Amino acid sequence: MAHVIAAEDEPEIQQILRMILERAGHTVTVVGDGADVVDAVGEHRPDLVLLDLGLPHVGGLDICRALREDPATSTLPVGVVSGQITPPFTAAFAAGATAVLAKPFTRAQLLELVDTLLTAPSAPP
């Protein structure tokens, strides 16, 4: 299955993401600080990133832009999973997000997002 970096600062949500994704067969690396996400992507070479917007030190939109600006990660699927965002998700898509999921989410919604990201074209919208 896929290697997922889950960038989330809330410990309870970190556990939920890890549990759901690992039970679905994915490998999960959790990163709790925005300042560490880009380095973790470079180190682990994930298949996709799930990105909260409200991370400490570096916000999710800035991380998404940084991933899009780097040729090595410009086509990496990025799913924004955040409680700080509402439809139509314009800011997330403008920053380069591939897909968006608002919190709270169900297990089925999270797995659908991951499936969408894994089958998405290799370029952001």
PDB file of N, CA and C in Angstrom:
ATOM      1  N   MET A   1       0.839  -1.188   0.000  1.00  0.00           N
ATOM      2  CA  MET A   1       0.000   0.000   0.000  1.00  0.00           C
ATOM      3  C   MET A   1       0.882   1.249   0.000  1.00  0.00           C
ATOM      4  N   ALA A   2       0.299   2.381   0.341  1.00  0.00           N
ATOM      5  CA  ALA A   2       0.986   3.668   0.223  1.00  0.00           C
ATOM      6  C   ALA A   2       1.692   4.068   1.510  1.00  0.00           C
ATOM      7  N   HIS A   3       2.719   4.903   1.345  1.00  0.00           N
ATOM      8  CA  HIS A   3       3.347   5.566   2.485  1.00  0.00           C
ATOM      9  C   HIS A   3       2.750   6.965   2.559  1.00  0.00           C
ATOM     10  N   VAL A   4       2.158   7.282   3.708  1.00  0.00           N
ATOM     11  CA  VAL A   4       1.454   8.545   3.911  1.00  0.00           C
ATOM     12  C   VAL A   4       2.166   9.353   4.987  1.00  0.00           C
ATOM     13  N   ILE A   5       2.436  10.613   4.704  1.00  0.00           N
ATOM     14  CA  ILE A   5       2.845  11.532   5.766  1.00  0.00           C
ATOM     15  C   ILE A   5       1.594  12.262   6.207  1.00  0.00           C
ATOM     16  N   ALA A   6       1.299  12.160   7.503  1.00  0.00           N
ATOM     17  CA  ALA A   6       0.151  12.844   8.094  1.00  0.00           C
ATOM     18  C   ALA A   6       0.682  13.996   8.937  1.00  0.00           C
ATOM     19  N   ALA A   7       0.519  15.209   8.453  1.00  0.00           N
ATOM     20  CA  ALA A   7       0.980  16.403   9.158  1.00  0.00           C
ATOM     21  C   ALA A   7      -0.179  16.940   9.985  1.00  0.00           C
ATOM     22  N   GLU A   8      -0.117  16.680  11.285  1.00  0.00           N
ATOM     23  CA  GLU A   8      -1.218  17.006  12.199  1.00  0.00           C
ATOM     24  C   GLU A   8      -0.621  17.256  13.575  1.00  0.00           C
ATOM     25  N   ASP A   9      -1.031  18.343  14.235  1.00  0.00           N
ATOM     26  CA  ASP A   9      -0.463  18.677  15.534  1.00  0.00           C
ATOM     27  C   ASP A   9      -1.283  18.188  16.722  1.00  0.00           C
ATOM     28  N   GLU A  10      -2.515  17.808  16.536  1.00  0.00           N
ATOM     29  CA  GLU A  10      -3.354  17.339  17.645  1.00  0.00           C
ATOM     30  C   GLU A  10      -3.120  15.846  17.882  1.00  0.00           C
ATOM     31  N   PRO A  11      -2.611  15.463  19.072  1.00  0.00           N
ATOM     32  CA  PRO A  11      -2.293  14.052  19.333  1.00  0.00           C
ATOM     33  C   PRO A  11      -3.460  13.092  19.106  1.00  0.00           C
ATOM     34  N   GLU A  12      -4.672  13.483  19.480  1.00  0.00           N
ATOM     35  CA  GLU A  12      -5.815  12.587  19.295  1.00  0.00           C
ATOM     36  C   GLU A  12      -6.086  12.341  17.815  1.00  0.00           C
ATOM     37  N   ILE A  13      -5.981  13.384  17.008  1.00  0.00           N
ATOM     38  CA  ILE A  13      -6.218  13.224  15.573  1.00  0.00           C
ATOM     39  C   ILE A  13      -5.063  12.467  14.931  1.00  0.00           C
ATOM     40  N   GLN A  14      -3.845  12.672  15.435  1.00  0.00           N
ATOM     41  CA  GLN A  14      -2.704  11.875  14.960  1.00  0.00           C
ATOM     42  C   GLN A  14      -2.995  10.385  15.135  1.00  0.00           C
ATOM     43  N   GLN A  15      -3.490  10.021  16.324  1.00  0.00           N
ATOM     44  CA  GLN A  15      -3.798   8.615  16.605  1.00  0.00           C
ATOM     45  C   GLN A  15      -4.903   8.097  15.691  1.00  0.00           C
ATOM     46  N   ILE A  16      -5.924   8.901  15.472  1.00  0.00           N
ATOM     47  CA  ILE A  16      -7.030   8.489  14.599  1.00  0.00           C
ATOM     48  C   ILE A  16      -6.531   8.265  13.179  1.00  0.00           C
ATOM     49  N   LEU A  17      -5.766   9.220  12.657  1.00  0.00           N
ATOM     50  CA  LEU A  17      -5.223   9.079  11.304  1.00  0.00           C
ATOM     51  C   LEU A  17      -4.369   7.821  11.192  1.00  0.00           C
ATOM     52  N   ARG A  18      -3.466   7.640  12.160  1.00  0.00           N
ATOM     53  CA  ARG A  18      -2.583   6.468  12.133  1.00  0.00           C
ATOM     54  C   ARG A  18      -3.390   5.173  12.168  1.00  0.00           C
ATOM     55  N   MET A  19      -4.363   5.093  13.074  1.00  0.00           N
ATOM     56  CA  MET A  19      -5.149   3.874  13.226  1.00  0.00           C
ATOM     57  C   MET A  19      -5.917   3.542  11.944  1.00  0.00           C
ATOM     58  N   ILE A  20      -6.631   4.516  11.409  1.00  0.00           N
ATOM     59  CA  ILE A  20      -7.435   4.273  10.204  1.00  0.00           C
ATOM     60  C   ILE A  20      -6.547   3.868   9.036  1.00  0.00           C
ATOM     61  N   LEU A  21      -5.482   4.608   8.820  1.00  0.00           N
ATOM     62  CA  LEU A  21      -4.634   4.359   7.654  1.00  0.00           C
ATOM     63  C   LEU A  21      -3.841   3.063   7.779  1.00  0.00           C
ATOM     64  N   GLU A  22      -3.308   2.775   8.966  1.00  0.00           N
ATOM     65  CA  GLU A  22      -2.566   1.520   9.138  1.00  0.00           C
ATOM     66  C   GLU A  22      -3.484   0.313   9.012  1.00  0.00           C
ATOM     67  N   ARG A  23      -4.696   0.404   9.536  1.00  0.00           N
ATOM     68  CA  ARG A  23      -5.647  -0.708   9.388  1.00  0.00           C
ATOM     69  C   ARG A  23      -6.021  -0.941   7.932  1.00  0.00           C
ATOM     70  N   ALA A  24      -5.911   0.105   7.123  1.00  0.00           N
ATOM     71  CA  ALA A  24      -6.181  -0.021   5.685  1.00  0.00           C
ATOM     72  C   ALA A  24      -4.940  -0.493   4.924  1.00  0.00           C
ATOM     73  N   GLY A  25      -3.843  -0.735   5.647  1.00  0.00           N
ATOM     74  CA  GLY A  25      -2.640  -1.278   5.028  1.00  0.00           C
ATOM     75  C   GLY A  25      -1.572  -0.273   4.650  1.00  0.00           C
ATOM     76  N   HIS A  26      -1.759   0.984   5.002  1.00  0.00           N
ATOM     77  CA  HIS A  26      -0.792   2.021   4.649  1.00  0.00           C
ATOM     78  C   HIS A  26       0.279   2.156   5.728  1.00  0.00           C
ATOM     79  N   THR A  27       1.442   2.632   5.337  1.00  0.00           N
ATOM     80  CA  THR A  27       2.492   3.018   6.267  1.00  0.00           C
ATOM     81  C   THR A  27       2.300   4.500   6.549  1.00  0.00           C
ATOM     82  N   VAL A  28       2.390   4.882   7.830  1.00  0.00           N
ATOM     83  CA  VAL A  28       2.103   6.265   8.210  1.00  0.00           C
ATOM     84  C   VAL A  28       3.280   6.859   8.975  1.00  0.00           C
ATOM     85  N   THR A  29       3.696   8.036   8.565  1.00  0.00           N
ATOM     86  CA  THR A  29       4.654   8.841   9.310  1.00  0.00           C
ATOM     87  C   THR A  29       3.912  10.092   9.750  1.00  0.00           C
ATOM     88  N   VAL A  30       3.841  10.309  11.068  1.00  0.00           N
ATOM     89  CA  VAL A  30       3.140  11.470  11.608  1.00  0.00           C
ATOM     90  C   VAL A  30       4.156  12.571  11.899  1.00  0.00           C
ATOM     91  N   VAL A  31       3.837  13.773  11.464  1.00  0.00           N
ATOM     92  CA  VAL A  31       4.669  14.943  11.719  1.00  0.00           C
ATOM     93  C   VAL A  31       3.783  15.980  12.399  1.00  0.00           C
ATOM     94  N   GLY A  32       4.200  16.461  13.574  1.00  0.00           N
ATOM     95  CA  GLY A  32       3.358  17.355  14.350  1.00  0.00           C
ATOM     96  C   GLY A  32       3.695  18.827  14.260  1.00  0.00           C
ATOM     97  N   ASP A  33       4.791  19.173  13.607  1.00  0.00           N
ATOM     98  CA  ASP A  33       5.230  20.563  13.522  1.00  0.00           C
ATOM     99  C   ASP A  33       5.405  20.947  12.061  1.00  0.00           C
ATOM    100  N   GLY A  34       4.801  22.045  11.671  1.00  0.00           N
ATOM    101  CA  GLY A  34       4.889  22.479  10.285  1.00  0.00           C
ATOM    102  C   GLY A  34       6.311  22.669   9.795  1.00  0.00           C
ATOM    103  N   ALA A  35       7.213  23.040  10.689  1.00  0.00           N
ATOM    104  CA  ALA A  35       8.601  23.268  10.304  1.00  0.00           C
ATOM    105  C   ALA A  35       9.294  21.983   9.866  1.00  0.00           C
ATOM    106  N   ASP A  36       8.741  20.834  10.208  1.00  0.00           N
ATOM    107  CA  ASP A  36       9.384  19.549   9.909  1.00  0.00           C
ATOM    108  C   ASP A  36       8.789  18.818   8.712  1.00  0.00           C
ATOM    109  N   VAL A  37       7.704  19.308   8.155  1.00  0.00           N
ATOM    110  CA  VAL A  37       6.987  18.561   7.119  1.00  0.00           C
ATOM    111  C   VAL A  37       7.798  18.415   5.840  1.00  0.00           C
ATOM    112  N   VAL A  38       8.335  19.499   5.316  1.00  0.00           N
ATOM    113  CA  VAL A  38       9.074  19.428   4.051  1.00  0.00           C
ATOM    114  C   VAL A  38      10.285  18.510   4.194  1.00  0.00           C
ATOM    115  N   ASP A  39      10.998  18.585   5.324  1.00  0.00           N
ATOM    116  CA  ASP A  39      12.137  17.690   5.554  1.00  0.00           C
ATOM    117  C   ASP A  39      11.687  16.234   5.617  1.00  0.00           C
ATOM    118  N   ALA A  40      10.551  15.979   6.280  1.00  0.00           N
ATOM    119  CA  ALA A  40      10.038  14.611   6.373  1.00  0.00           C
ATOM    120  C   ALA A  40       9.671  14.070   4.999  1.00  0.00           C
ATOM    121  N   VAL A  41       9.118  14.915   4.151  1.00  0.00           N
ATOM    122  CA  VAL A  41       8.788  14.492   2.784  1.00  0.00           C
ATOM    123  C   VAL A  41      10.063  14.116   2.043  1.00  0.00           C
ATOM    124  N   GLY A  42      11.107  14.919   2.181  1.00  0.00           N
ATOM    125  CA  GLY A  42      12.372  14.607   1.529  1.00  0.00           C
ATOM    126  C   GLY A  42      13.005  13.335   2.051  1.00  0.00           C
ATOM    127  N   GLU A  43      12.897  13.105   3.344  1.00  0.00           N
ATOM    128  CA  GLU A  43      13.494  11.920   3.960  1.00  0.00           C
ATOM    129  C   GLU A  43      12.725  10.645   3.640  1.00  0.00           C
ATOM    130  N   HIS A  44      11.407  10.694   3.714  1.00  0.00           N
ATOM    131  CA  HIS A  44      10.593   9.479   3.602  1.00  0.00           C
ATOM    132  C   HIS A  44      10.050   9.203   2.205  1.00  0.00           C
ATOM    133  N   ARG A  45      10.048  10.193   1.326  1.00  0.00           N
ATOM    134  CA  ARG A  45       9.536  10.023  -0.045  1.00  0.00           C
ATOM    135  C   ARG A  45       8.156   9.352  -0.050  1.00  0.00           C
ATOM    136  N   PRO A  46       7.155   9.997   0.566  1.00  0.00           N
ATOM    137  CA  PRO A  46       5.824   9.382   0.661  1.00  0.00           C
ATOM    138  C   PRO A  46       5.109   9.364  -0.682  1.00  0.00           C
ATOM    139  N   ASP A  47       4.040   8.578  -0.713  1.00  0.00           N
ATOM    140  CA  ASP A  47       3.167   8.547  -1.885  1.00  0.00           C
ATOM    141  C   ASP A  47       2.168   9.697  -1.865  1.00  0.00           C
ATOM    142  N   LEU A  48       1.897  10.221  -0.660  1.00  0.00           N
ATOM    143  CA  LEU A  48       0.989  11.355  -0.520  1.00  0.00           C
ATOM    144  C   LEU A  48       1.168  11.992   0.841  1.00  0.00           C
ATOM    145  N   VAL A  49       0.675  13.217   0.964  1.00  0.00           N
ATOM    146  CA  VAL A  49       0.727  13.959   2.220  1.00  0.00           C
ATOM    147  C   VAL A  49      -0.689  14.375   2.593  1.00  0.00           C
ATOM    148  N   LEU A  50      -1.039  14.146   3.861  1.00  0.00           N
ATOM    149  CA  LEU A  50      -2.270  14.688   4.431  1.00  0.00           C
ATOM    150  C   LEU A  50      -1.842  15.850   5.314  1.00  0.00           C
ATOM    151  N   LEU A  51      -2.394  17.020   5.079  1.00  0.00           N
ATOM    152  CA  LEU A  51      -1.857  18.245   5.647  1.00  0.00           C
ATOM    153  C   LEU A  51      -2.921  19.051   6.372  1.00  0.00           C
ATOM    154  N   ASP A  52      -2.722  19.241   7.681  1.00  0.00           N
ATOM    155  CA  ASP A  52      -3.570  20.144   8.451  1.00  0.00           C
ATOM    156  C   ASP A  52      -3.111  21.574   8.172  1.00  0.00           C
ATOM    157  N   LEU A  53      -4.015  22.517   8.198  1.00  0.00           N
ATOM    158  CA  LEU A  53      -3.633  23.908   7.955  1.00  0.00           C
ATOM    159  C   LEU A  53      -3.102  24.600   9.197  1.00  0.00           C
ATOM    160  N   GLY A  54      -3.561  24.186  10.378  1.00  0.00           N
ATOM    161  CA  GLY A  54      -3.220  24.879  11.611  1.00  0.00           C
ATOM    162  C   GLY A  54      -2.021  24.302  12.331  1.00  0.00           C
ATOM    163  N   LEU A  55      -0.966  24.006  11.616  1.00  0.00           N
ATOM    164  CA  LEU A  55       0.237  23.456  12.234  1.00  0.00           C
ATOM    165  C   LEU A  55       1.056  24.564  12.890  1.00  0.00           C
ATOM    166  N   PRO A  56       1.769  24.242  13.983  1.00  0.00           N
ATOM    167  CA  PRO A  56       2.635  25.253  14.588  1.00  0.00           C
ATOM    168  C   PRO A  56       3.845  25.559  13.702  1.00  0.00           C
ATOM    169  N   HIS A  57       4.329  26.757  13.796  1.00  0.00           N
ATOM    170  CA  HIS A  57       5.547  27.288  13.166  1.00  0.00           C
ATOM    171  C   HIS A  57       5.438  27.558  11.676  1.00  0.00           C
ATOM    172  N   VAL A  58       4.927  26.655  10.894  1.00  0.00           N
ATOM    173  CA  VAL A  58       4.726  26.893   9.462  1.00  0.00           C
ATOM    174  C   VAL A  58       3.334  26.368   9.119  1.00  0.00           C
ATOM    175  N   GLY A  59       2.491  27.210   8.578  1.00  0.00           N
ATOM    176  CA  GLY A  59       1.119  26.828   8.273  1.00  0.00           C
ATOM    177  C   GLY A  59       1.015  25.896   7.083  1.00  0.00           C
ATOM    178  N   GLY A  60      -0.075  25.177   7.028  1.00  0.00           N
ATOM    179  CA  GLY A  60      -0.290  24.196   5.977  1.00  0.00           C
ATOM    180  C   GLY A  60      -0.294  24.768   4.572  1.00  0.00           C
ATOM    181  N   LEU A  61      -0.848  25.960   4.386  1.00  0.00           N
ATOM    182  CA  LEU A  61      -0.859  26.553   3.048  1.00  0.00           C
ATOM    183  C   LEU A  61       0.557  26.872   2.585  1.00  0.00           C
ATOM    184  N   ASP A  62       1.402  27.359   3.508  1.00  0.00           N
ATOM    185  CA  ASP A  62       2.799  27.638   3.157  1.00  0.00           C
ATOM    186  C   ASP A  62       3.548  26.352   2.823  1.00  0.00           C
ATOM    187  N   ILE A  63       3.250  25.284   3.552  1.00  0.00           N
ATOM    188  CA  ILE A  63       3.881  23.990   3.268  1.00  0.00           C
ATOM    189  C   ILE A  63       3.456  23.498   1.890  1.00  0.00           C
ATOM    190  N   CYS A  64       2.183  23.607   1.605  1.00  0.00           N
ATOM    191  CA  CYS A  64       1.671  23.166   0.309  1.00  0.00           C
ATOM    192  C   CYS A  64       2.355  23.931  -0.823  1.00  0.00           C
ATOM    193  N   ARG A  65       2.484  25.239  -0.668  1.00  0.00           N
ATOM    194  CA  ARG A  65       3.170  26.048  -1.690  1.00  0.00           C
ATOM    195  C   ARG A  65       4.624  25.609  -1.853  1.00  0.00           C
ATOM    196  N   ALA A  66       5.299  25.353  -0.730  1.00  0.00           N
ATOM    197  CA  ALA A  66       6.702  24.929  -0.783  1.00  0.00           C
ATOM    198  C   ALA A  66       6.844  23.593  -1.506  1.00  0.00           C
ATOM    199  N   LEU A  67       5.927  22.672  -1.258  1.00  0.00           N
ATOM    200  CA  LEU A  67       5.971  21.382  -1.948  1.00  0.00           C
ATOM    201  C   LEU A  67       5.756  21.565  -3.444  1.00  0.00           C
ATOM    202  N   ARG A  68       4.876  22.459  -3.827  1.00  0.00           N
ATOM    203  CA  ARG A  68       4.595  22.698  -5.246  1.00  0.00           C
ATOM    204  C   ARG A  68       5.752  23.401  -5.953  1.00  0.00           C
ATOM    205  N   GLU A  69       6.498  24.234  -5.220  1.00  0.00           N
ATOM    206  CA  GLU A  69       7.610  24.980  -5.818  1.00  0.00           C
ATOM    207  C   GLU A  69       8.856  24.127  -6.021  1.00  0.00           C
ATOM    208  N   ASP A  70       8.970  23.027  -5.295  1.00  0.00           N
ATOM    209  CA  ASP A  70      10.139  22.151  -5.398  1.00  0.00           C
ATOM    210  C   ASP A  70       9.892  21.129  -6.505  1.00  0.00           C
ATOM    211  N   PRO A  71      10.753  21.090  -7.534  1.00  0.00           N
ATOM    212  CA  PRO A  71      10.540  20.128  -8.620  1.00  0.00           C
ATOM    213  C   PRO A  71      10.449  18.674  -8.146  1.00  0.00           C
ATOM    214  N   ALA A  72      11.115  18.346  -7.044  1.00  0.00           N
ATOM    215  CA  ALA A  72      11.095  16.973  -6.540  1.00  0.00           C
ATOM    216  C   ALA A  72       9.742  16.592  -5.943  1.00  0.00           C
ATOM    217  N   THR A  73       8.953  17.576  -5.530  1.00  0.00           N
ATOM    218  CA  THR A  73       7.666  17.285  -4.887  1.00  0.00           C
ATOM    219  C   THR A  73       6.496  17.994  -5.567  1.00  0.00           C
ATOM    220  N   SER A  74       6.739  18.599  -6.692  1.00  0.00           N
ATOM    221  CA  SER A  74       5.701  19.421  -7.327  1.00  0.00           C
ATOM    222  C   SER A  74       4.463  18.634  -7.744  1.00  0.00           C
ATOM    223  N   THR A  75       4.610  17.338  -7.954  1.00  0.00           N
ATOM    224  CA  THR A  75       3.459  16.525  -8.359  1.00  0.00           C
ATOM    225  C   THR A  75       2.976  15.585  -7.255  1.00  0.00           C
ATOM    226  N   LEU A  76       3.544  15.703  -6.061  1.00  0.00           N
ATOM    227  CA  LEU A  76       3.140  14.867  -4.928  1.00  0.00           C
ATOM    228  C   LEU A  76       1.691  15.177  -4.547  1.00  0.00           C
ATOM    229  N   PRO A  77       0.825  14.167  -4.458  1.00  0.00           N
ATOM    230  CA  PRO A  77      -0.555  14.429  -4.040  1.00  0.00           C
ATOM    231  C   PRO A  77      -0.606  14.966  -2.607  1.00  0.00           C
ATOM    232  N   VAL A  78      -1.316  16.065  -2.422  1.00  0.00           N
ATOM    233  CA  VAL A  78      -1.458  16.695  -1.111  1.00  0.00           C
ATOM    234  C   VAL A  78      -2.940  16.849  -0.813  1.00  0.00           C
ATOM    235  N   GLY A  79      -3.372  16.209   0.270  1.00  0.00           N
ATOM    236  CA  GLY A  79      -4.743  16.353   0.730  1.00  0.00           C
ATOM    237  C   GLY A  79      -4.779  17.221   1.966  1.00  0.00           C
ATOM    238  N   VAL A  80      -5.492  18.310   1.907  1.00  0.00           N
ATOM    239  CA  VAL A  80      -5.661  19.167   3.074  1.00  0.00           C
ATOM    240  C   VAL A  80      -6.798  18.588   3.903  1.00  0.00           C
ATOM    241  N   VAL A  81      -6.501  18.314   5.181  1.00  0.00           N
ATOM    242  CA  VAL A  81      -7.486  17.788   6.126  1.00  0.00           C
ATOM    243  C   VAL A  81      -7.502  18.765   7.292  1.00  0.00           C
ATOM    244  N   SER A  82      -8.528  19.601   7.364  1.00  0.00           N
ATOM    245  CA  SER A  82      -8.482  20.683   8.340  1.00  0.00           C
ATOM    246  C   SER A  82      -9.865  21.104   8.797  1.00  0.00           C
ATOM    247  N   GLY A  83      -9.925  21.553  10.028  1.00  0.00           N
ATOM    248  CA  GLY A  83     -11.142  22.138  10.561  1.00  0.00           C
ATOM    249  C   GLY A  83     -11.184  23.638  10.348  1.00  0.00           C
ATOM    250  N   GLN A  84     -10.114  24.197   9.782  1.00  0.00           N
ATOM    251  CA  GLN A  84     -10.014  25.641   9.570  1.00  0.00           C
ATOM    252  C   GLN A  84     -10.388  26.050   8.151  1.00  0.00           C
ATOM    253  N   ILE A  85     -11.102  25.203   7.464  1.00  0.00           N
ATOM    254  CA  ILE A  85     -11.388  25.477   6.062  1.00  0.00           C
ATOM    255  C   ILE A  85     -12.846  25.153   5.769  1.00  0.00           C
ATOM    256  N   THR A  86     -13.443  25.952   4.925  1.00  0.00           N
ATOM    257  CA  THR A  86     -14.831  25.728   4.529  1.00  0.00           C
ATOM    258  C   THR A  86     -14.941  25.834   3.013  1.00  0.00           C
ATOM    259  N   PRO A  87     -15.959  25.215   2.451  1.00  0.00           N
ATOM    260  CA  PRO A  87     -16.139  25.306   0.999  1.00  0.00           C
ATOM    261  C   PRO A  87     -16.211  26.771   0.573  1.00  0.00           C
ATOM    262  N   PRO A  88     -15.717  27.089  -0.573  1.00  0.00           N
ATOM    263  CA  PRO A  88     -15.282  26.235  -1.678  1.00  0.00           C
ATOM    264  C   PRO A  88     -13.803  25.851  -1.650  1.00  0.00           C
ATOM    265  N   PHE A  89     -13.118  26.042  -0.546  1.00  0.00           N
ATOM    266  CA  PHE A  89     -11.730  25.601  -0.392  1.00  0.00           C
ATOM    267  C   PHE A  89     -10.764  26.316  -1.340  1.00  0.00           C
ATOM    268  N   THR A  90     -11.109  27.530  -1.734  1.00  0.00           N
ATOM    269  CA  THR A  90     -10.324  28.278  -2.712  1.00  0.00           C
ATOM    270  C   THR A  90      -8.867  28.434  -2.299  1.00  0.00           C
ATOM    271  N   ALA A  91      -8.616  28.793  -1.045  1.00  0.00           N
ATOM    272  CA  ALA A  91      -7.237  29.026  -0.597  1.00  0.00           C
ATOM    273  C   ALA A  91      -6.400  27.758  -0.690  1.00  0.00           C
ATOM    274  N   ALA A  92      -6.979  26.623  -0.314  1.00  0.00           N
ATOM    275  CA  ALA A  92      -6.236  25.357  -0.362  1.00  0.00           C
ATOM    276  C   ALA A  92      -5.884  24.984  -1.795  1.00  0.00           C
ATOM    277  N   PHE A  93      -6.841  25.112  -2.691  1.00  0.00           N
ATOM    278  CA  PHE A  93      -6.563  24.772  -4.087  1.00  0.00           C
ATOM    279  C   PHE A  93      -5.589  25.767  -4.719  1.00  0.00           C
ATOM    280  N   ALA A  94      -5.683  27.038  -4.347  1.00  0.00           N
ATOM    281  CA  ALA A  94      -4.753  28.040  -4.870  1.00  0.00           C
ATOM    282  C   ALA A  94      -3.325  27.761  -4.405  1.00  0.00           C
ATOM    283  N   ALA A  95      -3.179  27.175  -3.213  1.00  0.00           N
ATOM    284  CA  ALA A  95      -1.857  26.830  -2.690  1.00  0.00           C
ATOM    285  C   ALA A  95      -1.312  25.555  -3.317  1.00  0.00           C
ATOM    286  N   GLY A  96      -2.165  24.808  -4.027  1.00  0.00           N
ATOM    287  CA  GLY A  96      -1.708  23.604  -4.707  1.00  0.00           C
ATOM    288  C   GLY A  96      -2.241  22.300  -4.168  1.00  0.00           C
ATOM    289  N   ALA A  97      -3.221  22.351  -3.271  1.00  0.00           N
ATOM    290  CA  ALA A  97      -3.800  21.110  -2.749  1.00  0.00           C
ATOM    291  C   ALA A  97      -4.448  20.313  -3.878  1.00  0.00           C
ATOM    292  N   THR A  98      -4.305  19.001  -3.791  1.00  0.00           N
ATOM    293  CA  THR A  98      -4.924  18.108  -4.764  1.00  0.00           C
ATOM    294  C   THR A  98      -6.389  17.875  -4.419  1.00  0.00           C
ATOM    295  N   ALA A  99      -6.671  17.773  -3.110  1.00  0.00           N
ATOM    296  CA  ALA A  99      -8.027  17.510  -2.624  1.00  0.00           C
ATOM    297  C   ALA A  99      -8.136  18.054  -1.206  1.00  0.00           C
ATOM    298  N   VAL A 100      -9.365  18.213  -0.737  1.00  0.00           N
ATOM    299  CA  VAL A 100      -9.618  18.792   0.581  1.00  0.00           C
ATOM    300  C   VAL A 100     -10.667  17.965   1.308  1.00  0.00           C
ATOM    301  N   LEU A 101     -10.446  17.779   2.621  1.00  0.00           N
ATOM    302  CA  LEU A 101     -11.415  17.116   3.488  1.00  0.00           C
ATOM    303  C   LEU A 101     -11.546  17.951   4.754  1.00  0.00           C
ATOM    304  N   ALA A 102     -12.756  18.408   5.044  1.00  0.00           N
ATOM    305  CA  ALA A 102     -12.993  19.208   6.239  1.00  0.00           C
ATOM    306  C   ALA A 102     -13.169  18.290   7.447  1.00  0.00           C
ATOM    307  N   LYS A 103     -12.649  18.722   8.594  1.00  0.00           N
ATOM    308  CA  LYS A 103     -12.879  18.031   9.859  1.00  0.00           C
ATOM    309  C   LYS A 103     -14.202  18.532  10.417  1.00  0.00           C
ATOM    310  N   PRO A 104     -14.936  17.715  11.137  1.00  0.00           N
ATOM    311  CA  PRO A 104     -14.666  16.300  11.394  1.00  0.00           C
ATOM    312  C   PRO A 104     -14.962  15.453  10.163  1.00  0.00           C
ATOM    313  N   PHE A 105     -14.304  14.305  10.102  1.00  0.00           N
ATOM    314  CA  PHE A 105     -14.474  13.401   8.968  1.00  0.00           C
ATOM    315  C   PHE A 105     -14.748  11.997   9.488  1.00  0.00           C
ATOM    316  N   THR A 106     -15.304  11.172   8.636  1.00  0.00           N
ATOM    317  CA  THR A 106     -15.530   9.772   8.985  1.00  0.00           C
ATOM    318  C   THR A 106     -14.383   8.929   8.443  1.00  0.00           C
ATOM    319  N   ARG A 107     -14.308   7.706   8.916  1.00  0.00           N
ATOM    320  CA  ARG A 107     -13.310   6.763   8.412  1.00  0.00           C
ATOM    321  C   ARG A 107     -13.459   6.608   6.900  1.00  0.00           C
ATOM    322  N   ALA A 108     -14.687   6.433   6.447  1.00  0.00           N
ATOM    323  CA  ALA A 108     -14.939   6.245   5.014  1.00  0.00           C
ATOM    324  C   ALA A 108     -14.499   7.467   4.210  1.00  0.00           C
ATOM    325  N   GLN A 109     -14.756   8.665   4.728  1.00  0.00           N
ATOM    326  CA  GLN A 109     -14.344   9.879   4.015  1.00  0.00           C
ATOM    327  C   GLN A 109     -12.825   9.976   3.912  1.00  0.00           C
ATOM    328  N   LEU A 110     -12.125   9.630   4.989  1.00  0.00           N
ATOM    329  CA  LEU A 110     -10.662   9.677   4.965  1.00  0.00           C
ATOM    330  C   LEU A 110     -10.104   8.679   3.963  1.00  0.00           C
ATOM    331  N   LEU A 111     -10.617   7.463   3.979  1.00  0.00           N
ATOM    332  CA  LEU A 111     -10.123   6.450   3.046  1.00  0.00           C
ATOM    333  C   LEU A 111     -10.466   6.804   1.603  1.00  0.00           C
ATOM    334  N   GLU A 112     -11.616   7.429   1.394  1.00  0.00           N
ATOM    335  CA  GLU A 112     -11.969   7.889   0.048  1.00  0.00           C
ATOM    336  C   GLU A 112     -10.998   8.979  -0.417  1.00  0.00           C
ATOM    337  N   LEU A 113     -10.631   9.881   0.499  1.00  0.00           N
ATOM    338  CA  LEU A 113      -9.655  10.923   0.164  1.00  0.00           C
ATOM    339  C   LEU A 113      -8.326  10.302  -0.240  1.00  0.00           C
ATOM    340  N   VAL A 114      -7.858   9.340   0.539  1.00  0.00           N
ATOM    341  CA  VAL A 114      -6.584   8.683   0.231  1.00  0.00           C
ATOM    342  C   VAL A 114      -6.663   7.990  -1.126  1.00  0.00           C
ATOM    343  N   ASP A 115      -7.745   7.281  -1.385  1.00  0.00           N
ATOM    344  CA  ASP A 115      -7.909   6.632  -2.695  1.00  0.00           C
ATOM    345  C   ASP A 115      -7.907   7.659  -3.822  1.00  0.00           C
ATOM    346  N   THR A 116      -8.590   8.776  -3.604  1.00  0.00           N
ATOM    347  CA  THR A 116      -8.618   9.844  -4.607  1.00  0.00           C
ATOM    348  C   THR A 116      -7.216  10.377  -4.866  1.00  0.00           C
ATOM    349  N   LEU A 117      -6.462  10.596  -3.801  1.00  0.00           N
ATOM    350  CA  LEU A 117      -5.103  11.119  -3.951  1.00  0.00           C
ATOM    351  C   LEU A 117      -4.188  10.132  -4.660  1.00  0.00           C
ATOM    352  N   LEU A 118      -4.358   8.850  -4.368  1.00  0.00           N
ATOM    353  CA  LEU A 118      -3.489   7.839  -4.983  1.00  0.00           C
ATOM    354  C   LEU A 118      -3.787   7.641  -6.463  1.00  0.00           C
ATOM    355  N   THR A 119      -4.988   7.997  -6.883  1.00  0.00           N
ATOM    356  CA  THR A 119      -5.347   7.826  -8.294  1.00  0.00           C
ATOM    357  C   THR A 119      -5.409   9.156  -9.042  1.00  0.00           C
ATOM    358  N   ALA A 120      -5.068  10.245  -8.348  1.00  0.00           N
ATOM    359  CA  ALA A 120      -5.124  11.574  -8.968  1.00  0.00           C
ATOM    360  C   ALA A 120      -4.041  11.719 -10.025  1.00  0.00           C
ATOM    361  N   PRO A 121      -4.302  12.536 -11.022  1.00  0.00           N
ATOM    362  CA  PRO A 121      -3.229  12.859 -11.973  1.00  0.00           C
ATOM    363  C   PRO A 121      -2.038  13.429 -11.207  1.00  0.00           C
ATOM    364  N   SER A 122      -0.865  13.301 -11.761  1.00  0.00           N
ATOM    365  CA  SER A 122       0.344  13.665 -11.028  1.00  0.00           C
ATOM    366  C   SER A 122       0.652  15.154 -11.041  1.00  0.00           C
ATOM    367  N   ALA A 123      -0.317  15.972 -11.281  1.00  0.00           N
ATOM    368  CA  ALA A 123      -0.115  17.418 -11.209  1.00  0.00           C
ATOM    369  C   ALA A 123      -1.253  18.043 -10.428  1.00  0.00           C
ATOM    370  N   PRO A 124      -0.962  19.104  -9.673  1.00  0.00           N
ATOM    371  CA  PRO A 124      -2.024  19.757  -8.920  1.00  0.00           C
ATOM    372  C   PRO A 124      -3.018  20.421  -9.856  1.00  0.00           C
ATOM    373  N   PRO A 125      -4.243  20.689  -9.347  1.00  0.00           N
ATOM    374  CA  PRO A 125      -5.255  21.329 -10.191  1.00  0.00           C
ATOM    375  C   PRO A 125      -4.835  22.725 -10.616  1.00  0.00           C
TER     376      PRO A 125
END
